[in-house]
Amino acid sequence: MPPRIVGVVKAISEPNRICILHQLRKGELCACKLPDRIGLTQPAVSLHLKVLLKNGLVKVRLNGSNRMYSLTSLGRKVLSDIMRW
């Protein structure tokens, strides 16, 4: 299997990461909103976002001091595939 596919599979093997992808399905969201929405601490959310970002499932944009996350096209495809399982 190509390394990128292995990375994506490992990234989505963690249920909290799938929850984050699901939260981002409707559009861009500030990282500061995610802990309350998925019930994790800010440091835990940051670690999960780092894995998703590294594997090309999410992208980040700075808006002042806020980090705004959204799904990439790959992230949308992966989430769509997961939701059909």
PDB file of N, CA and C in Angstrom:
ATOM      1  N   MET A   1       0.836  -1.175   0.000  1.00  0.00           N
ATOM      2  CA  MET A   1       0.000   0.000   0.000  1.00  0.00           C
ATOM      3  C   MET A   1       0.888   1.248   0.000  1.00  0.00           C
ATOM      4  N   PRO A   2       0.543   2.266  -0.780  1.00  0.00           N
ATOM      5  CA  PRO A   2       1.337   3.506  -0.786  1.00  0.00           C
ATOM      6  C   PRO A   2       1.342   4.160   0.596  1.00  0.00           C
ATOM      7  N   PRO A   3       2.462   4.805   0.957  1.00  0.00           N
ATOM      8  CA  PRO A   3       2.570   5.416   2.294  1.00  0.00           C
ATOM      9  C   PRO A   3       1.450   6.393   2.626  1.00  0.00           C
ATOM     10  N   ARG A   4       0.990   7.160   1.648  1.00  0.00           N
ATOM     11  CA  ARG A   4      -0.081   8.143   1.914  1.00  0.00           C
ATOM     12  C   ARG A   4      -1.359   7.448   2.351  1.00  0.00           C
ATOM     13  N   ILE A   5      -1.699   6.351   1.713  1.00  0.00           N
ATOM     14  CA  ILE A   5      -2.909   5.611   2.074  1.00  0.00           C
ATOM     15  C   ILE A   5      -2.776   5.053   3.483  1.00  0.00           C
ATOM     16  N   VAL A   6      -1.608   4.537   3.816  1.00  0.00           N
ATOM     17  CA  VAL A   6      -1.376   4.001   5.157  1.00  0.00           C
ATOM     18  C   VAL A   6      -1.558   5.115   6.195  1.00  0.00           C
ATOM     19  N   GLY A   7      -1.023   6.298   5.920  1.00  0.00           N
ATOM     20  CA  GLY A   7      -1.170   7.419   6.838  1.00  0.00           C
ATOM     21  C   GLY A   7      -2.616   7.818   7.044  1.00  0.00           C
ATOM     22  N   VAL A   8      -3.382   7.852   5.971  1.00  0.00           N
ATOM     23  CA  VAL A   8      -4.797   8.212   6.059  1.00  0.00           C
ATOM     24  C   VAL A   8      -5.554   7.168   6.867  1.00  0.00           C
ATOM     25  N   VAL A   9      -5.285   5.902   6.612  1.00  0.00           N
ATOM     26  CA  VAL A   9      -5.965   4.832   7.354  1.00  0.00           C
ATOM     27  C   VAL A   9      -5.633   4.929   8.839  1.00  0.00           C
ATOM     28  N   LYS A  10      -4.374   5.164   9.161  1.00  0.00           N
ATOM     29  CA  LYS A  10      -3.991   5.320  10.567  1.00  0.00           C
ATOM     30  C   LYS A  10      -4.665   6.542  11.180  1.00  0.00           C
ATOM     31  N   ALA A  11      -4.756   7.618  10.420  1.00  0.00           N
ATOM     32  CA  ALA A  11      -5.373   8.845  10.927  1.00  0.00           C
ATOM     33  C   ALA A  11      -6.844   8.632  11.264  1.00  0.00           C
ATOM     34  N   ILE A  12      -7.568   7.903  10.433  1.00  0.00           N
ATOM     35  CA  ILE A  12      -8.998   7.715  10.684  1.00  0.00           C
ATOM     36  C   ILE A  12      -9.285   6.521  11.592  1.00  0.00           C
ATOM     37  N   SER A  13      -8.241   5.825  12.026  1.00  0.00           N
ATOM     38  CA  SER A  13      -8.461   4.695  12.932  1.00  0.00           C
ATOM     39  C   SER A  13      -8.802   5.160  14.348  1.00  0.00           C
ATOM     40  N   GLU A  14      -8.604   6.421  14.629  1.00  0.00           N
ATOM     41  CA  GLU A  14      -8.920   7.004  15.944  1.00  0.00           C
ATOM     42  C   GLU A  14     -10.314   7.640  15.866  1.00  0.00           C
ATOM     43  N   PRO A  15     -11.267   7.146  16.652  1.00  0.00           N
ATOM     44  CA  PRO A  15     -12.652   7.657  16.586  1.00  0.00           C
ATOM     45  C   PRO A  15     -12.777   9.166  16.806  1.00  0.00           C
ATOM     46  N   ASN A  16     -11.936   9.744  17.660  1.00  0.00           N
ATOM     47  CA  ASN A  16     -12.032  11.189  17.892  1.00  0.00           C
ATOM     48  C   ASN A  16     -11.690  11.982  16.635  1.00  0.00           C
ATOM     49  N   ARG A  17     -10.822  11.456  15.807  1.00  0.00           N
ATOM     50  CA  ARG A  17     -10.479  12.146  14.559  1.00  0.00           C
ATOM     51  C   ARG A  17     -11.654  12.116  13.589  1.00  0.00           C
ATOM     52  N   ILE A  18     -12.380  11.026  13.587  1.00  0.00           N
ATOM     53  CA  ILE A  18     -13.575  10.954  12.744  1.00  0.00           C
ATOM     54  C   ILE A  18     -14.605  11.963  13.253  1.00  0.00           C
ATOM     55  N   CYS A  19     -14.702  12.107  14.564  1.00  0.00           N
ATOM     56  CA  CYS A  19     -15.619  13.118  15.138  1.00  0.00           C
ATOM     57  C   CYS A  19     -15.226  14.520  14.683  1.00  0.00           C
ATOM     58  N   ILE A  20     -13.931  14.792  14.657  1.00  0.00           N
ATOM     59  CA  ILE A  20     -13.462  16.112  14.212  1.00  0.00           C
ATOM     60  C   ILE A  20     -13.821  16.318  12.741  1.00  0.00           C
ATOM     61  N   LEU A  21     -13.561  15.312  11.912  1.00  0.00           N
ATOM     62  CA  LEU A  21     -13.925  15.424  10.492  1.00  0.00           C
ATOM     63  C   LEU A  21     -15.421  15.675  10.348  1.00  0.00           C
ATOM     64  N   HIS A  22     -16.204  14.971  11.150  1.00  0.00           N
ATOM     65  CA  HIS A  22     -17.659  15.123  11.087  1.00  0.00           C
ATOM     66  C   HIS A  22     -18.072  16.549  11.474  1.00  0.00           C
ATOM     67  N   GLN A  23     -17.422  17.138  12.466  1.00  0.00           N
ATOM     68  CA  GLN A  23     -17.720  18.511  12.866  1.00  0.00           C
ATOM     69  C   GLN A  23     -17.392  19.511  11.757  1.00  0.00           C
ATOM     70  N   LEU A  24     -16.385  19.187  10.953  1.00  0.00           N
ATOM     71  CA  LEU A  24     -15.951  20.098   9.890  1.00  0.00           C
ATOM     72  C   LEU A  24     -16.722  19.904   8.586  1.00  0.00           C
ATOM     73  N   ARG A  25     -17.629  18.973   8.540  1.00  0.00           N
ATOM     74  CA  ARG A  25     -18.318  18.647   7.282  1.00  0.00           C
ATOM     75  C   ARG A  25     -19.142  19.805   6.729  1.00  0.00           C
ATOM     76  N   LYS A  26     -19.630  20.686   7.599  1.00  0.00           N
ATOM     77  CA  LYS A  26     -20.470  21.798   7.138  1.00  0.00           C
ATOM     78  C   LYS A  26     -19.664  23.039   6.799  1.00  0.00           C
ATOM     79  N   GLY A  27     -18.376  23.006   7.063  1.00  0.00           N
ATOM     80  CA  GLY A  27     -17.554  24.160   6.724  1.00  0.00           C
ATOM     81  C   GLY A  27     -16.497  24.451   7.765  1.00  0.00           C
ATOM     82  N   GLU A  28     -15.841  25.555   7.552  1.00  0.00           N
ATOM     83  CA  GLU A  28     -14.722  25.984   8.378  1.00  0.00           C
ATOM     84  C   GLU A  28     -15.150  26.211   9.834  1.00  0.00           C
ATOM     85  N   LEU A  29     -14.242  25.839  10.752  1.00  0.00           N
ATOM     86  CA  LEU A  29     -14.538  25.966  12.169  1.00  0.00           C
ATOM     87  C   LEU A  29     -13.262  26.321  12.923  1.00  0.00           C
ATOM     88  N   CYS A  30     -13.397  27.213  13.881  1.00  0.00           N
ATOM     89  CA  CYS A  30     -12.263  27.597  14.716  1.00  0.00           C
ATOM     90  C   CYS A  30     -11.880  26.413  15.615  1.00  0.00           C
ATOM     91  N   ALA A  31     -10.584  26.180  15.755  1.00  0.00           N
ATOM     92  CA  ALA A  31     -10.102  25.107  16.618  1.00  0.00           C
ATOM     93  C   ALA A  31     -10.589  25.279  18.048  1.00  0.00           C
ATOM     94  N   CYS A  32     -10.830  26.502  18.452  1.00  0.00           N
ATOM     95  CA  CYS A  32     -11.278  26.777  19.823  1.00  0.00           C
ATOM     96  C   CYS A  32     -12.678  26.227  20.099  1.00  0.00           C
ATOM     97  N   LYS A  33     -13.464  25.970  19.074  1.00  0.00           N
ATOM     98  CA  LYS A  33     -14.828  25.456  19.231  1.00  0.00           C
ATOM     99  C   LYS A  33     -14.872  23.932  19.361  1.00  0.00           C
ATOM    100  N   LEU A  34     -13.847  23.255  18.870  1.00  0.00           N
ATOM    101  CA  LEU A  34     -13.874  21.795  18.821  1.00  0.00           C
ATOM    102  C   LEU A  34     -13.865  21.095  20.182  1.00  0.00           C
ATOM    103  N   PRO A  35     -13.088  21.545  21.170  1.00  0.00           N
ATOM    104  CA  PRO A  35     -13.079  20.809  22.451  1.00  0.00           C
ATOM    105  C   PRO A  35     -14.474  20.639  23.060  1.00  0.00           C
ATOM    106  N   ASP A  36     -15.266  21.688  23.090  1.00  0.00           N
ATOM    107  CA  ASP A  36     -16.616  21.584  23.655  1.00  0.00           C
ATOM    108  C   ASP A  36     -17.524  20.707  22.808  1.00  0.00           C
ATOM    109  N   ARG A  37     -17.341  20.769  21.514  1.00  0.00           N
ATOM    110  CA  ARG A  37     -18.215  20.001  20.615  1.00  0.00           C
ATOM    111  C   ARG A  37     -17.955  18.507  20.660  1.00  0.00           C
ATOM    112  N   ILE A  38     -16.710  18.100  20.918  1.00  0.00           N
ATOM    113  CA  ILE A  38     -16.421  16.661  20.912  1.00  0.00           C
ATOM    114  C   ILE A  38     -16.003  16.126  22.278  1.00  0.00           C
ATOM    115  N   GLY A  39     -15.953  17.007  23.274  1.00  0.00           N
ATOM    116  CA  GLY A  39     -15.696  16.549  24.639  1.00  0.00           C
ATOM    117  C   GLY A  39     -14.256  16.169  24.935  1.00  0.00           C
ATOM    118  N   LEU A  40     -13.314  16.854  24.327  1.00  0.00           N
ATOM    119  CA  LEU A  40     -11.897  16.616  24.580  1.00  0.00           C
ATOM    120  C   LEU A  40     -11.239  17.898  25.056  1.00  0.00           C
ATOM    121  N   THR A  41     -10.059  17.773  25.619  1.00  0.00           N
ATOM    122  CA  THR A  41      -9.304  18.960  26.015  1.00  0.00           C
ATOM    123  C   THR A  41      -8.714  19.621  24.777  1.00  0.00           C
ATOM    124  N   GLN A  42      -8.362  20.899  24.908  1.00  0.00           N
ATOM    125  CA  GLN A  42      -7.736  21.619  23.794  1.00  0.00           C
ATOM    126  C   GLN A  42      -6.439  20.942  23.345  1.00  0.00           C
ATOM    127  N   PRO A  43      -5.549  20.510  24.282  1.00  0.00           N
ATOM    128  CA  PRO A  43      -4.323  19.838  23.837  1.00  0.00           C
ATOM    129  C   PRO A  43      -4.601  18.542  23.053  1.00  0.00           C
ATOM    130  N   ALA A  44      -5.611  17.795  23.483  1.00  0.00           N
ATOM    131  CA  ALA A  44      -5.950  16.556  22.765  1.00  0.00           C
ATOM    132  C   ALA A  44      -6.459  16.871  21.359  1.00  0.00           C
ATOM    133  N   VAL A  45      -7.314  17.867  21.256  1.00  0.00           N
ATOM    134  CA  VAL A  45      -7.834  18.275  19.943  1.00  0.00           C
ATOM    135  C   VAL A  45      -6.679  18.724  19.050  1.00  0.00           C
ATOM    136  N   SER A  46      -5.762  19.481  19.601  1.00  0.00           N
ATOM    137  CA  SER A  46      -4.611  19.962  18.823  1.00  0.00           C
ATOM    138  C   SER A  46      -3.782  18.805  18.274  1.00  0.00           C
ATOM    139  N   LEU A  47      -3.563  17.793  19.087  1.00  0.00           N
ATOM    140  CA  LEU A  47      -2.804  16.620  18.613  1.00  0.00           C
ATOM    141  C   LEU A  47      -3.539  15.900  17.490  1.00  0.00           C
ATOM    142  N   HIS A  48      -4.844  15.744  17.637  1.00  0.00           N
ATOM    143  CA  HIS A  48      -5.626  15.078  16.589  1.00  0.00           C
ATOM    144  C   HIS A  48      -5.625  15.909  15.299  1.00  0.00           C
ATOM    145  N   LEU A  49      -5.768  17.220  15.436  1.00  0.00           N
ATOM    146  CA  LEU A  49      -5.741  18.086  14.250  1.00  0.00           C
ATOM    147  C   LEU A  49      -4.388  18.014  13.550  1.00  0.00           C
ATOM    148  N   LYS A  50      -3.322  17.910  14.317  1.00  0.00           N
ATOM    149  CA  LYS A  50      -1.981  17.799  13.735  1.00  0.00           C
ATOM    150  C   LYS A  50      -1.870  16.550  12.862  1.00  0.00           C
ATOM    151  N   VAL A  51      -2.411  15.433  13.341  1.00  0.00           N
ATOM    152  CA  VAL A  51      -2.382  14.179  12.566  1.00  0.00           C
ATOM    153  C   VAL A  51      -3.225  14.328  11.301  1.00  0.00           C
ATOM    154  N   LEU A  52      -4.411  14.905  11.427  1.00  0.00           N
ATOM    155  CA  LEU A  52      -5.283  15.089  10.262  1.00  0.00           C
ATOM    156  C   LEU A  52      -4.654  16.030   9.238  1.00  0.00           C
ATOM    157  N   LEU A  53      -4.007  17.077   9.722  1.00  0.00           N
ATOM    158  CA  LEU A  53      -3.334  18.036   8.849  1.00  0.00           C
ATOM    159  C   LEU A  53      -2.162  17.381   8.121  1.00  0.00           C
ATOM    160  N   LYS A  54      -1.363  16.633   8.867  1.00  0.00           N
ATOM    161  CA  LYS A  54      -0.192  15.956   8.295  1.00  0.00           C
ATOM    162  C   LYS A  54      -0.591  14.984   7.179  1.00  0.00           C
ATOM    163  N   ASN A  55      -1.747  14.380   7.304  1.00  0.00           N
ATOM    164  CA  ASN A  55      -2.186  13.390   6.317  1.00  0.00           C
ATOM    165  C   ASN A  55      -3.117  13.957   5.259  1.00  0.00           C
ATOM    166  N   GLY A  56      -3.238  15.284   5.217  1.00  0.00           N
ATOM    167  CA  GLY A  56      -3.963  15.935   4.134  1.00  0.00           C
ATOM    168  C   GLY A  56      -5.474  15.873   4.216  1.00  0.00           C
ATOM    169  N   LEU A  57      -6.008  15.582   5.401  1.00  0.00           N
ATOM    170  CA  LEU A  57      -7.455  15.482   5.539  1.00  0.00           C
ATOM    171  C   LEU A  57      -8.104  16.815   5.902  1.00  0.00           C
ATOM    172  N   VAL A  58      -7.334  17.693   6.532  1.00  0.00           N
ATOM    173  CA  VAL A  58      -7.827  19.032   6.861  1.00  0.00           C
ATOM    174  C   VAL A  58      -6.788  20.056   6.442  1.00  0.00           C
ATOM    175  N   LYS A  59      -7.249  21.296   6.337  1.00  0.00           N
ATOM    176  CA  LYS A  59      -6.346  22.417   6.069  1.00  0.00           C
ATOM    177  C   LYS A  59      -6.624  23.486   7.111  1.00  0.00           C
ATOM    178  N   VAL A  60      -5.672  24.385   7.293  1.00  0.00           N
ATOM    179  CA  VAL A  60      -5.798  25.412   8.319  1.00  0.00           C
ATOM    180  C   VAL A  60      -5.559  26.780   7.695  1.00  0.00           C
ATOM    181  N   ARG A  61      -6.271  27.769   8.238  1.00  0.00           N
ATOM    182  CA  ARG A  61      -6.124  29.145   7.810  1.00  0.00           C
ATOM    183  C   ARG A  61      -6.108  30.007   9.063  1.00  0.00           C
ATOM    184  N   LEU A  62      -5.158  30.941   9.110  1.00  0.00           N
ATOM    185  CA  LEU A  62      -5.107  31.861  10.248  1.00  0.00           C
ATOM    186  C   LEU A  62      -6.072  33.012  10.019  1.00  0.00           C
ATOM    187  N   ASN A  63      -6.844  33.325  11.052  1.00  0.00           N
ATOM    188  CA  ASN A  63      -7.775  34.448  11.017  1.00  0.00           C
ATOM    189  C   ASN A  63      -7.516  35.241  12.298  1.00  0.00           C
ATOM    190  N   GLY A  64      -6.595  36.190  12.226  1.00  0.00           N
ATOM    191  CA  GLY A  64      -6.149  36.882  13.433  1.00  0.00           C
ATOM    192  C   GLY A  64      -5.386  35.893  14.298  1.00  0.00           C
ATOM    193  N   SER A  65      -5.836  35.697  15.519  1.00  0.00           N
ATOM    194  CA  SER A  65      -5.177  34.731  16.401  1.00  0.00           C
ATOM    195  C   SER A  65      -5.856  33.371  16.376  1.00  0.00           C
ATOM    196  N   ASN A  66      -6.907  33.230  15.584  1.00  0.00           N
ATOM    197  CA  ASN A  66      -7.637  31.962  15.496  1.00  0.00           C
ATOM    198  C   ASN A  66      -7.136  31.101  14.345  1.00  0.00           C
ATOM    199  N   ARG A  67      -7.121  29.810  14.581  1.00  0.00           N
ATOM    200  CA  ARG A  67      -6.785  28.845  13.547  1.00  0.00           C
ATOM    201  C   ARG A  67      -8.101  28.220  13.072  1.00  0.00           C
ATOM    202  N   MET A  68      -8.410  28.460  11.818  1.00  0.00           N
ATOM    203  CA  MET A  68      -9.665  27.988  11.233  1.00  0.00           C
ATOM    204  C   MET A  68      -9.382  26.725  10.417  1.00  0.00           C
ATOM    205  N   TYR A  69     -10.062  25.651  10.753  1.00  0.00           N
ATOM    206  CA  TYR A  69      -9.855  24.364  10.080  1.00  0.00           C
ATOM    207  C   TYR A  69     -11.034  24.039   9.180  1.00  0.00           C
ATOM    208  N   SER A  70     -10.732  23.367   8.087  1.00  0.00           N
ATOM    209  CA  SER A  70     -11.767  22.890   7.172  1.00  0.00           C
ATOM    210  C   SER A  70     -11.275  21.613   6.508  1.00  0.00           C
ATOM    211  N   LEU A  71     -12.196  20.889   5.910  1.00  0.00           N
ATOM    212  CA  LEU A  71     -11.846  19.651   5.213  1.00  0.00           C
ATOM    213  C   LEU A  71     -11.186  19.962   3.873  1.00  0.00           C
ATOM    214  N   THR A  72     -10.240  19.154   3.503  1.00  0.00           N
ATOM    215  CA  THR A  72      -9.688  19.203   2.149  1.00  0.00           C
ATOM    216  C   THR A  72     -10.592  18.342   1.270  1.00  0.00           C
ATOM    217  N   SER A  73     -10.338  18.317  -0.014  1.00  0.00           N
ATOM    218  CA  SER A  73     -11.127  17.438  -0.890  1.00  0.00           C
ATOM    219  C   SER A  73     -10.917  15.979  -0.498  1.00  0.00           C
ATOM    220  N   LEU A  74      -9.702  15.630  -0.109  1.00  0.00           N
ATOM    221  CA  LEU A  74      -9.439  14.265   0.362  1.00  0.00           C
ATOM    222  C   LEU A  74     -10.225  13.998   1.644  1.00  0.00           C
ATOM    223  N   GLY A  75     -10.236  14.956   2.552  1.00  0.00           N
ATOM    224  CA  GLY A  75     -10.990  14.797   3.795  1.00  0.00           C
ATOM    225  C   GLY A  75     -12.470  14.600   3.547  1.00  0.00           C
ATOM    226  N   ARG A  76     -13.023  15.351   2.588  1.00  0.00           N
ATOM    227  CA  ARG A  76     -14.440  15.191   2.233  1.00  0.00           C
ATOM    228  C   ARG A  76     -14.709  13.799   1.673  1.00  0.00           C
ATOM    229  N   LYS A  77     -13.813  13.346   0.806  1.00  0.00           N
ATOM    230  CA  LYS A  77     -13.975  12.019   0.188  1.00  0.00           C
ATOM    231  C   LYS A  77     -13.903  10.923   1.244  1.00  0.00           C
ATOM    232  N   VAL A  78     -12.902  11.007   2.115  1.00  0.00           N
ATOM    233  CA  VAL A  78     -12.732   9.997   3.165  1.00  0.00           C
ATOM    234  C   VAL A  78     -13.950   9.989   4.091  1.00  0.00           C
ATOM    235  N   LEU A  79     -14.410  11.169   4.520  1.00  0.00           N
ATOM    236  CA  LEU A  79     -15.573  11.232   5.396  1.00  0.00           C
ATOM    237  C   LEU A  79     -16.814  10.679   4.703  1.00  0.00           C
ATOM    238  N   SER A  80     -16.983  11.000   3.449  1.00  0.00           N
ATOM    239  CA  SER A  80     -18.117  10.468   2.690  1.00  0.00           C
ATOM    240  C   SER A  80     -18.061   8.944   2.625  1.00  0.00           C
ATOM    241  N   ASP A  81     -16.878   8.420   2.369  1.00  0.00           N
ATOM    242  CA  ASP A  81     -16.714   6.959   2.328  1.00  0.00           C
ATOM    243  C   ASP A  81     -17.017   6.317   3.684  1.00  0.00           C
ATOM    244  N   ILE A  82     -16.532   6.943   4.756  1.00  0.00           N
ATOM    245  CA  ILE A  82     -16.766   6.416   6.098  1.00  0.00           C
ATOM    246  C   ILE A  82     -18.251   6.397   6.410  1.00  0.00           C
ATOM    247  N   MET A  83     -18.956   7.433   6.050  1.00  0.00           N
ATOM    248  CA  MET A  83     -20.381   7.542   6.366  1.00  0.00           C
ATOM    249  C   MET A  83     -21.206   6.498   5.609  1.00  0.00           C
ATOM    250  N   ARG A  84     -20.671   5.967   4.523  1.00  0.00           N
ATOM    251  CA  ARG A  84     -21.369   4.922   3.773  1.00  0.00           C
ATOM    252  C   ARG A  84     -21.111   3.531   4.315  1.00  0.00           C
ATOM    253  N   TRP A  85     -20.120   3.366   5.204  1.00  0.00           N
ATOM    254  CA  TRP A  85     -19.782   2.041   5.730  1.00  0.00           C
ATOM    255  C   TRP A  85     -20.873   1.482   6.565  1.00  0.00           C
TER     256      TRP A  85
END
